[in-house]
């Protein structure tokens, strides 16, 4: 069964936005930019863009830093890995 909330949308669960700007202990803080953008594109219709804008921005910035660090590690340790 579905429930109708105050905005008129039908949903199975009633969600209350919480912790919109929280990134503490978020596993996505370790994602690289290519994986992050792939996930964002595939789930774009399910993301509440305005509600979670601060969190999305922080994770986006961190994803670029993680991609840079992953590239540096690859350059520095490629010989040891192979």
C-alpha atoms as a PDB file:
ATOM      1  CA  UNK A   1       0.000   0.000   0.000  1.00  0.00           C
ATOM      2  CA  UNK A   2       1.099   3.565  -0.560  1.00  0.00           C
ATOM      3  CA  UNK A   3       0.654   6.614   1.594  1.00  0.00           C
ATOM      4  CA  UNK A   4       0.024  10.137   0.412  1.00  0.00           C
ATOM      5  CA  UNK A   5       2.078  12.830   2.120  1.00  0.00           C
ATOM      6  CA  UNK A   6       1.358  16.559   2.445  1.00  0.00           C
ATOM      7  CA  UNK A   7       2.973  17.303  -0.921  1.00  0.00           C
ATOM      8  CA  UNK A   8       0.582  14.918  -2.644  1.00  0.00           C
ATOM      9  CA  UNK A   9       3.182  12.353  -3.679  1.00  0.00           C
ATOM     10  CA  UNK A  10       2.508   8.660  -3.240  1.00  0.00           C
ATOM     11  CA  UNK A  11       5.263   6.693  -1.603  1.00  0.00           C
ATOM     12  CA  UNK A  12       5.676   3.531   0.395  1.00  0.00           C
ATOM     13  CA  UNK A  13       7.809   5.213   3.060  1.00  0.00           C
ATOM     14  CA  UNK A  14       7.588   8.600   4.687  1.00  0.00           C
ATOM     15  CA  UNK A  15      11.022  10.242   4.766  1.00  0.00           C
ATOM     16  CA  UNK A  16      11.996  13.298   6.743  1.00  0.00           C
ATOM     17  CA  UNK A  17      15.143  14.996   5.414  1.00  0.00           C
ATOM     18  CA  UNK A  18      17.823  14.869   8.085  1.00  0.00           C
ATOM     19  CA  UNK A  19      21.514  15.589   8.158  1.00  0.00           C
ATOM     20  CA  UNK A  20      21.466  17.350   4.785  1.00  0.00           C
ATOM     21  CA  UNK A  21      24.966  18.757   5.227  1.00  0.00           C
ATOM     22  CA  UNK A  22      26.493  15.883   7.191  1.00  0.00           C
ATOM     23  CA  UNK A  23      29.377  13.999   5.574  1.00  0.00           C
ATOM     24  CA  UNK A  24      30.744  12.426   8.742  1.00  0.00           C
ATOM     25  CA  UNK A  25      31.427   8.692   8.313  1.00  0.00           C
ATOM     26  CA  UNK A  26      30.013   8.767   4.789  1.00  0.00           C
ATOM     27  CA  UNK A  27      31.485   5.892   2.753  1.00  0.00           C
ATOM     28  CA  UNK A  28      31.095   7.922  -0.442  1.00  0.00           C
ATOM     29  CA  UNK A  29      33.805  10.321   0.763  1.00  0.00           C
ATOM     30  CA  UNK A  30      36.348   7.805  -0.601  1.00  0.00           C
ATOM     31  CA  UNK A  31      34.886   7.505  -4.106  1.00  0.00           C
ATOM     32  CA  UNK A  32      36.804   8.712  -7.179  1.00  0.00           C
ATOM     33  CA  UNK A  33      35.312  11.239  -9.580  1.00  0.00           C
ATOM     34  CA  UNK A  34      34.674   8.807 -12.444  1.00  0.00           C
ATOM     35  CA  UNK A  35      32.771   6.389 -10.194  1.00  0.00           C
ATOM     36  CA  UNK A  36      30.924   9.280  -8.502  1.00  0.00           C
ATOM     37  CA  UNK A  37      29.706  10.845 -11.758  1.00  0.00           C
ATOM     38  CA  UNK A  38      28.708   7.454 -13.129  1.00  0.00           C
ATOM     39  CA  UNK A  39      26.598   6.847 -10.026  1.00  0.00           C
ATOM     40  CA  UNK A  40      25.108  10.362 -10.115  1.00  0.00           C
ATOM     41  CA  UNK A  41      24.130   9.955 -13.779  1.00  0.00           C
ATOM     42  CA  UNK A  42      22.532   6.557 -13.207  1.00  0.00           C
ATOM     43  CA  UNK A  43      20.581   7.745 -10.132  1.00  0.00           C
ATOM     44  CA  UNK A  44      19.875  11.373 -11.111  1.00  0.00           C
ATOM     45  CA  UNK A  45      16.109  10.944 -10.871  1.00  0.00           C
ATOM     46  CA  UNK A  46      16.363   9.581  -7.324  1.00  0.00           C
ATOM     47  CA  UNK A  47      18.543  12.364  -5.896  1.00  0.00           C
ATOM     48  CA  UNK A  48      16.948  15.226  -3.976  1.00  0.00           C
ATOM     49  CA  UNK A  49      19.271  17.878  -5.428  1.00  0.00           C
ATOM     50  CA  UNK A  50      18.229  20.891  -3.353  1.00  0.00           C
ATOM     51  CA  UNK A  51      17.780  19.052  -0.085  1.00  0.00           C
ATOM     52  CA  UNK A  52      21.225  17.472  -0.155  1.00  0.00           C
ATOM     53  CA  UNK A  53      23.164  20.119  -2.141  1.00  0.00           C
ATOM     54  CA  UNK A  54      25.846  20.675   0.550  1.00  0.00           C
ATOM     55  CA  UNK A  55      26.516  16.951   0.854  1.00  0.00           C
ATOM     56  CA  UNK A  56      26.607  16.498  -2.931  1.00  0.00           C
ATOM     57  CA  UNK A  57      29.046  19.389  -3.264  1.00  0.00           C
ATOM     58  CA  UNK A  58      31.423  18.051  -0.591  1.00  0.00           C
ATOM     59  CA  UNK A  59      31.393  14.545  -2.044  1.00  0.00           C
ATOM     60  CA  UNK A  60      31.984  15.960  -5.542  1.00  0.00           C
ATOM     61  CA  UNK A  61      35.014  17.943  -4.356  1.00  0.00           C
ATOM     62  CA  UNK A  62      36.393  14.980  -2.428  1.00  0.00           C
ATOM     63  CA  UNK A  63      35.915  12.711  -5.445  1.00  0.00           C
ATOM     64  CA  UNK A  64      38.266  14.902  -7.499  1.00  0.00           C
ATOM     65  CA  UNK A  65      40.851  14.884  -4.707  1.00  0.00           C
ATOM     66  CA  UNK A  66      40.541  11.088  -4.442  1.00  0.00           C
ATOM     67  CA  UNK A  67      40.968  10.714  -8.210  1.00  0.00           C
ATOM     68  CA  UNK A  68      44.119  12.863  -8.099  1.00  0.00           C
ATOM     69  CA  UNK A  69      45.544  10.832  -5.219  1.00  0.00           C
ATOM     70  CA  UNK A  70      44.688   7.557  -6.981  1.00  0.00           C
ATOM     71  CA  UNK A  71      46.529   8.780 -10.088  1.00  0.00           C
ATOM     72  CA  UNK A  72      49.555   9.786  -7.990  1.00  0.00           C
ATOM     73  CA  UNK A  73      49.633   6.404  -6.271  1.00  0.00           C
ATOM     74  CA  UNK A  74      49.413   4.689  -9.620  1.00  0.00           C
ATOM     75  CA  UNK A  75      52.337   6.729 -10.957  1.00  0.00           C
ATOM     76  CA  UNK A  76      54.470   6.216  -7.851  1.00  0.00           C
ATOM     77  CA  UNK A  77      53.824   2.523  -7.196  1.00  0.00           C
ATOM     78  CA  UNK A  78      53.028   1.050 -10.596  1.00  0.00           C
ATOM     79  CA  UNK A  79      56.353  -0.805 -10.785  1.00  0.00           C
ATOM     80  CA  UNK A  80      55.946  -2.370  -7.323  1.00  0.00           C
ATOM     81  CA  UNK A  81      52.406  -3.512  -8.086  1.00  0.00           C
ATOM     82  CA  UNK A  82      53.324  -5.312 -11.304  1.00  0.00           C
END
